[in-house]
Amino acid sequence: MLWPFLRVLAVFSAAPIFSSKAFPVRARIALAFFIAFAAQPSLQGQPVISINGPEALGAVIQQVGIGLAIGFTVRLVFAAVELAGEVVGFQMGLNFAAFFDPSLNTQSSAVARFFGHMAAFLFIVMNGHLMVMMAVIKSFEAFPVDQNFLDALQKMKLYSLGSDLFATGLWIALPMVGMLMFANLALGIISRVAPQMNIYSIGFPITLSVGLIGITATLPMLDQPLMALMERAMEIFSAK
């Protein structure tokens, strides 16, 4: 019971939504214990490590490390969507509307926060929380309970998700960036054809309107890249 409990609790401490301050710590611990208890029938054949043995410290480090790694990969999925929001907000000229994000202890733009909230809603609607729990259970097959945390970290290759993060974020933002570039090109032509027109007074409302239209048109398709990146991230912990 102890080793699955520690791994699930570490996931709840790092993964978005699960680690939210709105989720009470006692409820988090109780849910982690319930999941560890329910997972017992599928965890047969795991190495038996005594709590009082010399291997216990290494096992604790491994369980906490793997759990934090799973939570970190889920955080990367959300970061890809927020990256798309940052790029779109920069093109729209809304990056000056920044707010303090307590989850990251940094500033984030309004568009990035909006995309982050949409990603959280889609995460729940598409049963992303169940995918995370399945990845935790399957991770015991790929990374059984032992003291080899560094070996498990080497097999995960979390750095490979970096390219997927940027590729997915730019893929999400590409249609809106294209629309905004076309709008800026049109404004540049207008400023050359009619120099007497104050392009600065109409440029911001036009780019803002085009950006909002682009977000409205592409937001219903956000589930496809989000689910693809989520499946890619969870495969790291389910494959042997």
C-alpha atoms as a PDB file:
ATOM      1  CA  MET A   1       0.000   0.000   0.000  1.00  0.00           C
ATOM      2  CA  LEU A   2       2.755   2.438   0.888  1.00  0.00           C
ATOM      3  CA  TRP A   3       4.609   2.589  -2.429  1.00  0.00           C
ATOM      4  CA  PRO A   4       1.560   3.173  -4.696  1.00  0.00           C
ATOM      5  CA  PHE A   5       0.263   5.659  -2.142  1.00  0.00           C
ATOM      6  CA  LEU A   6       3.474   7.700  -2.284  1.00  0.00           C
ATOM      7  CA  ARG A   7       3.529   7.669  -6.082  1.00  0.00           C
ATOM      8  CA  VAL A   8      -0.089   8.801  -6.429  1.00  0.00           C
ATOM      9  CA  LEU A   9       0.336  11.437  -3.734  1.00  0.00           C
ATOM     10  CA  ALA A  10       3.373  12.831  -5.562  1.00  0.00           C
ATOM     11  CA  VAL A  11       1.274  13.090  -8.739  1.00  0.00           C
ATOM     12  CA  PHE A  12      -1.382  15.012  -6.814  1.00  0.00           C
ATOM     13  CA  SER A  13       1.313  17.367  -5.541  1.00  0.00           C
ATOM     14  CA  ALA A  14       2.625  18.308  -9.010  1.00  0.00           C
ATOM     15  CA  ALA A  15      -0.098  17.830 -11.624  1.00  0.00           C
ATOM     16  CA  PRO A  16      -2.387  20.761 -12.488  1.00  0.00           C
ATOM     17  CA  ILE A  17      -5.916  20.717 -11.069  1.00  0.00           C
ATOM     18  CA  PHE A  18      -4.935  17.969  -8.600  1.00  0.00           C
ATOM     19  CA  SER A  19      -2.438  20.319  -6.942  1.00  0.00           C
ATOM     20  CA  SER A  20      -4.848  23.239  -6.889  1.00  0.00           C
ATOM     21  CA  LYS A  21      -5.217  25.102  -3.595  1.00  0.00           C
ATOM     22  CA  ALA A  22      -8.967  24.588  -3.935  1.00  0.00           C
ATOM     23  CA  PHE A  23      -8.346  20.842  -3.488  1.00  0.00           C
ATOM     24  CA  PRO A  24      -7.959  20.335   0.283  1.00  0.00           C
ATOM     25  CA  VAL A  25      -4.821  18.522   1.397  1.00  0.00           C
ATOM     26  CA  ARG A  26      -6.764  16.031   3.521  1.00  0.00           C
ATOM     27  CA  ALA A  27      -9.037  15.155   0.611  1.00  0.00           C
ATOM     28  CA  ARG A  28      -5.964  14.809  -1.608  1.00  0.00           C
ATOM     29  CA  ILE A  29      -4.339  12.364   0.815  1.00  0.00           C
ATOM     30  CA  ALA A  30      -7.564  10.398   1.248  1.00  0.00           C
ATOM     31  CA  LEU A  31      -8.101  10.119  -2.519  1.00  0.00           C
ATOM     32  CA  ALA A  32      -4.494   8.997  -3.037  1.00  0.00           C
ATOM     33  CA  PHE A  33      -4.942   6.298  -0.395  1.00  0.00           C
ATOM     34  CA  PHE A  34      -8.206   5.153  -2.001  1.00  0.00           C
ATOM     35  CA  ILE A  35      -6.609   4.915  -5.456  1.00  0.00           C
ATOM     36  CA  ALA A  36      -3.655   2.965  -4.035  1.00  0.00           C
ATOM     37  CA  PHE A  37      -6.060   0.606  -2.292  1.00  0.00           C
ATOM     38  CA  ALA A  38      -8.158   0.098  -5.441  1.00  0.00           C
ATOM     39  CA  ALA A  39      -5.029  -0.562  -7.527  1.00  0.00           C
ATOM     40  CA  GLN A  40      -3.856  -3.473  -5.377  1.00  0.00           C
ATOM     41  CA  PRO A  41      -5.336  -6.289  -7.560  1.00  0.00           C
ATOM     42  CA  SER A  42      -3.431  -5.003 -10.638  1.00  0.00           C
ATOM     43  CA  LEU A  43      -0.088  -4.645  -8.852  1.00  0.00           C
ATOM     44  CA  GLN A  44       0.724  -8.310  -8.404  1.00  0.00           C
ATOM     45  CA  GLY A  45       4.326  -9.421  -8.756  1.00  0.00           C
ATOM     46  CA  GLN A  46       5.893  -6.213  -7.478  1.00  0.00           C
ATOM     47  CA  PRO A  47       9.129  -6.521  -5.471  1.00  0.00           C
ATOM     48  CA  VAL A  48       8.541  -6.635  -1.720  1.00  0.00           C
ATOM     49  CA  ILE A  49      10.583  -4.008   0.119  1.00  0.00           C
ATOM     50  CA  SER A  50      10.432  -3.767   3.880  1.00  0.00           C
ATOM     51  CA  ILE A  51       9.707  -0.363   5.359  1.00  0.00           C
ATOM     52  CA  ASN A  52      12.426  -0.937   7.973  1.00  0.00           C
ATOM     53  CA  GLY A  53      14.956  -2.254   5.450  1.00  0.00           C
ATOM     54  CA  PRO A  54      17.915  -0.348   4.007  1.00  0.00           C
ATOM     55  CA  GLU A  55      16.214  -0.255   0.597  1.00  0.00           C
ATOM     56  CA  ALA A  56      13.243   1.736   1.915  1.00  0.00           C
ATOM     57  CA  LEU A  57      14.844   5.169   1.459  1.00  0.00           C
ATOM     58  CA  GLY A  58      15.712   4.462  -2.174  1.00  0.00           C
ATOM     59  CA  ALA A  59      12.186   3.162  -2.810  1.00  0.00           C
ATOM     60  CA  VAL A  60      10.667   6.305  -1.304  1.00  0.00           C
ATOM     61  CA  ILE A  61      12.856   8.523  -3.502  1.00  0.00           C
ATOM     62  CA  GLN A  62      11.882   6.493  -6.574  1.00  0.00           C
ATOM     63  CA  GLN A  63       8.129   6.646  -5.890  1.00  0.00           C
ATOM     64  CA  VAL A  64       8.150  10.369  -5.190  1.00  0.00           C
ATOM     65  CA  GLY A  65      10.390  11.054  -8.192  1.00  0.00           C
ATOM     66  CA  ILE A  66       8.261   9.079 -10.649  1.00  0.00           C
ATOM     67  CA  GLY A  67       5.070  10.661  -9.295  1.00  0.00           C
ATOM     68  CA  LEU A  68       6.526  14.143  -9.670  1.00  0.00           C
ATOM     69  CA  ALA A  69       7.651  13.255 -13.211  1.00  0.00           C
ATOM     70  CA  ILE A  70       4.095  12.242 -14.153  1.00  0.00           C
ATOM     71  CA  GLY A  71       2.728  15.476 -12.704  1.00  0.00           C
ATOM     72  CA  PHE A  72       5.418  17.446 -14.549  1.00  0.00           C
ATOM     73  CA  THR A  73       4.439  15.921 -17.904  1.00  0.00           C
ATOM     74  CA  VAL A  74       0.807  16.882 -17.324  1.00  0.00           C
ATOM     75  CA  ARG A  75       2.007  20.388 -16.535  1.00  0.00           C
ATOM     76  CA  LEU A  76       3.878  20.420 -19.860  1.00  0.00           C
ATOM     77  CA  VAL A  77       0.625  19.643 -21.687  1.00  0.00           C
ATOM     78  CA  PHE A  78      -1.005  22.689 -20.115  1.00  0.00           C
ATOM     79  CA  ALA A  79       2.111  24.755 -20.827  1.00  0.00           C
ATOM     80  CA  ALA A  80       1.807  23.988 -24.557  1.00  0.00           C
ATOM     81  CA  VAL A  81      -1.707  25.466 -24.635  1.00  0.00           C
ATOM     82  CA  GLU A  82      -0.598  28.462 -22.567  1.00  0.00           C
ATOM     83  CA  LEU A  83       2.314  28.987 -24.969  1.00  0.00           C
ATOM     84  CA  ALA A  84      -0.189  29.230 -27.819  1.00  0.00           C
ATOM     85  CA  GLY A  85      -2.091  31.835 -25.814  1.00  0.00           C
ATOM     86  CA  GLU A  86       1.087  33.833 -25.211  1.00  0.00           C
ATOM     87  CA  VAL A  87       1.907  33.846 -28.933  1.00  0.00           C
ATOM     88  CA  VAL A  88      -1.623  34.878 -29.907  1.00  0.00           C
ATOM     89  CA  GLY A  89      -1.744  37.542 -27.200  1.00  0.00           C
ATOM     90  CA  PHE A  90       1.559  38.972 -28.411  1.00  0.00           C
ATOM     91  CA  GLN A  91       0.239  39.212 -31.976  1.00  0.00           C
ATOM     92  CA  MET A  92      -3.020  40.783 -30.772  1.00  0.00           C
ATOM     93  CA  GLY A  93      -1.208  43.337 -28.639  1.00  0.00           C
ATOM     94  CA  LEU A  94      -2.733  42.053 -25.405  1.00  0.00           C
ATOM     95  CA  ASN A  95       0.471  40.971 -23.711  1.00  0.00           C
ATOM     96  CA  PHE A  96       0.437  44.179 -21.695  1.00  0.00           C
ATOM     97  CA  ALA A  97      -2.728  42.844 -19.985  1.00  0.00           C
ATOM     98  CA  ALA A  98      -0.749  40.577 -17.669  1.00  0.00           C
ATOM     99  CA  PHE A  99      -1.858  39.027 -14.403  1.00  0.00           C
ATOM    100  CA  PHE A 100       0.013  37.280 -11.630  1.00  0.00           C
ATOM    101  CA  ASP A 101      -0.369  33.505 -11.913  1.00  0.00           C
ATOM    102  CA  PRO A 102      -0.099  31.990  -8.408  1.00  0.00           C
ATOM    103  CA  SER A 103       0.388  28.480  -9.794  1.00  0.00           C
ATOM    104  CA  LEU A 104       3.584  29.550 -11.598  1.00  0.00           C
ATOM    105  CA  ASN A 105       4.569  32.520  -9.409  1.00  0.00           C
ATOM    106  CA  THR A 106       5.000  34.654 -12.523  1.00  0.00           C
ATOM    107  CA  GLN A 107       3.145  36.997 -14.847  1.00  0.00           C
ATOM    108  CA  SER A 108       0.948  35.604 -17.624  1.00  0.00           C
ATOM    109  CA  SER A 109      -1.132  37.383 -20.237  1.00  0.00           C
ATOM    110  CA  ALA A 110      -4.904  37.401 -20.327  1.00  0.00           C
ATOM    111  CA  VAL A 111      -5.039  35.248 -23.474  1.00  0.00           C
ATOM    112  CA  ALA A 112      -2.667  32.679 -21.969  1.00  0.00           C
ATOM    113  CA  ARG A 113      -4.796  32.493 -18.820  1.00  0.00           C
ATOM    114  CA  PHE A 114      -7.914  32.031 -20.957  1.00  0.00           C
ATOM    115  CA  PHE A 115      -6.306  29.209 -22.942  1.00  0.00           C
ATOM    116  CA  GLY A 116      -5.099  27.642 -19.701  1.00  0.00           C
ATOM    117  CA  HIS A 117      -8.625  27.617 -18.283  1.00  0.00           C
ATOM    118  CA  MET A 118      -9.977  26.125 -21.514  1.00  0.00           C
ATOM    119  CA  ALA A 119      -7.301  23.412 -21.314  1.00  0.00           C
ATOM    120  CA  ALA A 120      -8.379  22.648 -17.738  1.00  0.00           C
ATOM    121  CA  PHE A 121     -12.018  22.310 -18.798  1.00  0.00           C
ATOM    122  CA  LEU A 122     -11.099  20.045 -21.715  1.00  0.00           C
ATOM    123  CA  PHE A 123      -8.826  18.008 -19.429  1.00  0.00           C
ATOM    124  CA  ILE A 124     -11.807  17.128 -17.243  1.00  0.00           C
ATOM    125  CA  VAL A 125     -14.328  16.718 -20.074  1.00  0.00           C
ATOM    126  CA  MET A 126     -12.037  14.358 -22.051  1.00  0.00           C
ATOM    127  CA  ASN A 127     -11.316  12.266 -18.919  1.00  0.00           C
ATOM    128  CA  GLY A 128      -7.734  13.439 -18.730  1.00  0.00           C
ATOM    129  CA  HIS A 129      -7.749  12.803 -14.973  1.00  0.00           C
ATOM    130  CA  LEU A 130      -8.575   9.141 -15.662  1.00  0.00           C
ATOM    131  CA  MET A 131      -5.733   8.972 -18.187  1.00  0.00           C
ATOM    132  CA  VAL A 132      -3.350  10.239 -15.515  1.00  0.00           C
ATOM    133  CA  MET A 133      -4.541   7.622 -13.033  1.00  0.00           C
ATOM    134  CA  MET A 134      -4.151   4.871 -15.644  1.00  0.00           C
ATOM    135  CA  ALA A 135      -0.641   6.116 -16.389  1.00  0.00           C
ATOM    136  CA  VAL A 136       0.204   5.914 -12.682  1.00  0.00           C
ATOM    137  CA  ILE A 137      -1.009   2.314 -12.454  1.00  0.00           C
ATOM    138  CA  LYS A 138       0.732   1.270 -15.672  1.00  0.00           C
ATOM    139  CA  SER A 139       3.919   2.967 -14.537  1.00  0.00           C
ATOM    140  CA  PHE A 140       4.393   0.123 -12.042  1.00  0.00           C
ATOM    141  CA  GLU A 141       4.847  -2.224 -15.000  1.00  0.00           C
ATOM    142  CA  ALA A 142       7.382   0.020 -16.738  1.00  0.00           C
ATOM    143  CA  PHE A 143       9.062   1.161 -13.513  1.00  0.00           C
ATOM    144  CA  PRO A 144       8.538  -1.396 -10.733  1.00  0.00           C
ATOM    145  CA  VAL A 145       9.254  -0.587  -7.115  1.00  0.00           C
ATOM    146  CA  ASP A 146      13.019  -0.604  -6.571  1.00  0.00           C
ATOM    147  CA  GLN A 147      15.815   1.853  -5.837  1.00  0.00           C
ATOM    148  CA  ASN A 148      16.763   2.694  -9.448  1.00  0.00           C
ATOM    149  CA  PHE A 149      15.227   6.152  -9.800  1.00  0.00           C
ATOM    150  CA  LEU A 150      18.034   7.450 -12.021  1.00  0.00           C
ATOM    151  CA  ASP A 151      17.598   4.467 -14.333  1.00  0.00           C
ATOM    152  CA  ALA A 152      13.849   5.150 -14.528  1.00  0.00           C
ATOM    153  CA  LEU A 153      14.523   8.822 -15.242  1.00  0.00           C
ATOM    154  CA  GLN A 154      16.845   7.840 -18.075  1.00  0.00           C
ATOM    155  CA  LYS A 155      14.182   5.605 -19.636  1.00  0.00           C
ATOM    156  CA  MET A 156      11.512   8.311 -19.453  1.00  0.00           C
ATOM    157  CA  LYS A 157      13.421  10.802 -21.654  1.00  0.00           C
ATOM    158  CA  LEU A 158      11.276  13.701 -20.538  1.00  0.00           C
ATOM    159  CA  TYR A 159      13.428  16.094 -22.541  1.00  0.00           C
ATOM    160  CA  SER A 160      11.868  14.683 -25.721  1.00  0.00           C
ATOM    161  CA  LEU A 161       8.593  16.357 -24.737  1.00  0.00           C
ATOM    162  CA  GLY A 162      10.214  19.774 -25.188  1.00  0.00           C
ATOM    163  CA  SER A 163       9.968  19.657 -28.961  1.00  0.00           C
ATOM    164  CA  ASP A 164       6.381  18.387 -28.737  1.00  0.00           C
ATOM    165  CA  LEU A 165       5.523  21.259 -26.401  1.00  0.00           C
ATOM    166  CA  PHE A 166       6.712  23.962 -28.819  1.00  0.00           C
ATOM    167  CA  ALA A 167       5.362  22.152 -31.882  1.00  0.00           C
ATOM    168  CA  THR A 168       1.899  21.739 -30.367  1.00  0.00           C
ATOM    169  CA  GLY A 169       1.792  25.288 -29.016  1.00  0.00           C
ATOM    170  CA  LEU A 170       2.720  26.808 -32.374  1.00  0.00           C
ATOM    171  CA  TRP A 171       0.334  24.435 -34.163  1.00  0.00           C
ATOM    172  CA  ILE A 172      -2.549  25.689 -32.018  1.00  0.00           C
ATOM    173  CA  ALA A 173      -1.582  29.333 -32.534  1.00  0.00           C
ATOM    174  CA  LEU A 174      -0.780  29.058 -36.253  1.00  0.00           C
ATOM    175  CA  PRO A 175      -4.278  29.834 -37.682  1.00  0.00           C
ATOM    176  CA  MET A 176      -4.711  32.903 -35.469  1.00  0.00           C
ATOM    177  CA  VAL A 177      -1.166  34.112 -36.131  1.00  0.00           C
ATOM    178  CA  GLY A 178      -1.787  33.761 -39.875  1.00  0.00           C
ATOM    179  CA  MET A 179      -4.990  35.802 -39.653  1.00  0.00           C
ATOM    180  CA  LEU A 180      -3.259  38.508 -37.625  1.00  0.00           C
ATOM    181  CA  MET A 181      -0.324  38.659 -40.038  1.00  0.00           C
ATOM    182  CA  PHE A 182      -2.761  39.098 -42.944  1.00  0.00           C
ATOM    183  CA  ALA A 183      -4.552  41.872 -41.013  1.00  0.00           C
ATOM    184  CA  ASN A 184      -1.243  43.640 -40.306  1.00  0.00           C
ATOM    185  CA  LEU A 185      -0.286  43.310 -43.968  1.00  0.00           C
ATOM    186  CA  ALA A 186      -3.600  44.867 -44.990  1.00  0.00           C
ATOM    187  CA  LEU A 187      -3.087  47.707 -42.511  1.00  0.00           C
ATOM    188  CA  GLY A 188       0.407  48.277 -43.932  1.00  0.00           C
ATOM    189  CA  ILE A 189      -0.986  48.555 -47.476  1.00  0.00           C
ATOM    190  CA  ILE A 190      -3.674  50.964 -46.289  1.00  0.00           C
ATOM    191  CA  SER A 191      -1.068  53.148 -44.593  1.00  0.00           C
ATOM    192  CA  ARG A 192       0.870  53.353 -47.877  1.00  0.00           C
ATOM    193  CA  VAL A 193      -2.192  54.023 -50.031  1.00  0.00           C
ATOM    194  CA  ALA A 194      -3.788  56.525 -47.674  1.00  0.00           C
ATOM    195  CA  PRO A 195      -1.032  58.137 -45.565  1.00  0.00           C
ATOM    196  CA  GLN A 196      -3.463  60.681 -44.169  1.00  0.00           C
ATOM    197  CA  MET A 197      -5.343  57.915 -42.351  1.00  0.00           C
ATOM    198  CA  ASN A 198      -4.184  57.496 -38.765  1.00  0.00           C
ATOM    199  CA  ILE A 199      -3.365  53.795 -38.868  1.00  0.00           C
ATOM    200  CA  TYR A 200      -2.475  53.736 -35.158  1.00  0.00           C
ATOM    201  CA  SER A 201      -6.004  54.695 -34.126  1.00  0.00           C
ATOM    202  CA  ILE A 202      -7.661  51.887 -36.098  1.00  0.00           C
ATOM    203  CA  GLY A 203      -4.883  49.281 -36.054  1.00  0.00           C
ATOM    204  CA  PHE A 204      -5.369  48.089 -32.477  1.00  0.00           C
ATOM    205  CA  PRO A 205      -9.180  47.618 -32.686  1.00  0.00           C
ATOM    206  CA  ILE A 206      -8.816  45.751 -35.978  1.00  0.00           C
ATOM    207  CA  THR A 207      -6.090  43.370 -34.758  1.00  0.00           C
ATOM    208  CA  LEU A 208      -8.022  42.828 -31.526  1.00  0.00           C
ATOM    209  CA  SER A 209     -11.224  42.022 -33.420  1.00  0.00           C
ATOM    210  CA  VAL A 210      -9.441  39.696 -35.854  1.00  0.00           C
ATOM    211  CA  GLY A 211      -7.752  37.916 -32.957  1.00  0.00           C
ATOM    212  CA  LEU A 212     -11.039  37.395 -31.112  1.00  0.00           C
ATOM    213  CA  ILE A 213     -12.659  36.091 -34.294  1.00  0.00           C
ATOM    214  CA  GLY A 214      -9.742  33.702 -34.801  1.00  0.00           C
ATOM    215  CA  ILE A 215      -9.983  32.438 -31.215  1.00  0.00           C
ATOM    216  CA  THR A 216     -13.729  31.899 -31.610  1.00  0.00           C
ATOM    217  CA  ALA A 217     -13.231  29.959 -34.847  1.00  0.00           C
ATOM    218  CA  THR A 218     -10.361  27.737 -33.681  1.00  0.00           C
ATOM    219  CA  LEU A 219     -11.296  27.118 -30.026  1.00  0.00           C
ATOM    220  CA  PRO A 220     -13.686  24.220 -30.835  1.00  0.00           C
ATOM    221  CA  MET A 221     -10.721  22.370 -32.398  1.00  0.00           C
ATOM    222  CA  LEU A 222      -8.496  22.711 -29.339  1.00  0.00           C
ATOM    223  CA  ASP A 223      -9.333  19.204 -28.121  1.00  0.00           C
ATOM    224  CA  GLN A 224      -7.444  17.452 -30.934  1.00  0.00           C
ATOM    225  CA  PRO A 225      -3.901  18.754 -30.270  1.00  0.00           C
ATOM    226  CA  LEU A 226      -4.505  18.643 -26.516  1.00  0.00           C
ATOM    227  CA  MET A 227      -5.537  14.982 -26.575  1.00  0.00           C
ATOM    228  CA  ALA A 228      -2.699  14.058 -28.957  1.00  0.00           C
ATOM    229  CA  LEU A 229      -0.087  15.637 -26.673  1.00  0.00           C
ATOM    230  CA  MET A 230      -1.725  14.087 -23.596  1.00  0.00           C
ATOM    231  CA  GLU A 231      -1.552  10.609 -25.125  1.00  0.00           C
ATOM    232  CA  ARG A 232       2.063  11.194 -26.144  1.00  0.00           C
ATOM    233  CA  ALA A 233       2.970  12.240 -22.593  1.00  0.00           C
ATOM    234  CA  MET A 234       1.189   9.328 -20.934  1.00  0.00           C
ATOM    235  CA  GLU A 235       2.817   6.771 -23.248  1.00  0.00           C
ATOM    236  CA  ILE A 236       6.140   7.479 -21.546  1.00  0.00           C
ATOM    237  CA  PHE A 237       4.919   5.849 -18.346  1.00  0.00           C
ATOM    238  CA  SER A 238       2.874   3.017 -19.840  1.00  0.00           C
ATOM    239  CA  ALA A 239       5.457   1.587 -22.265  1.00  0.00           C
ATOM    240  CA  LYS A 240       8.084  -0.843 -21.074  1.00  0.00           C
END
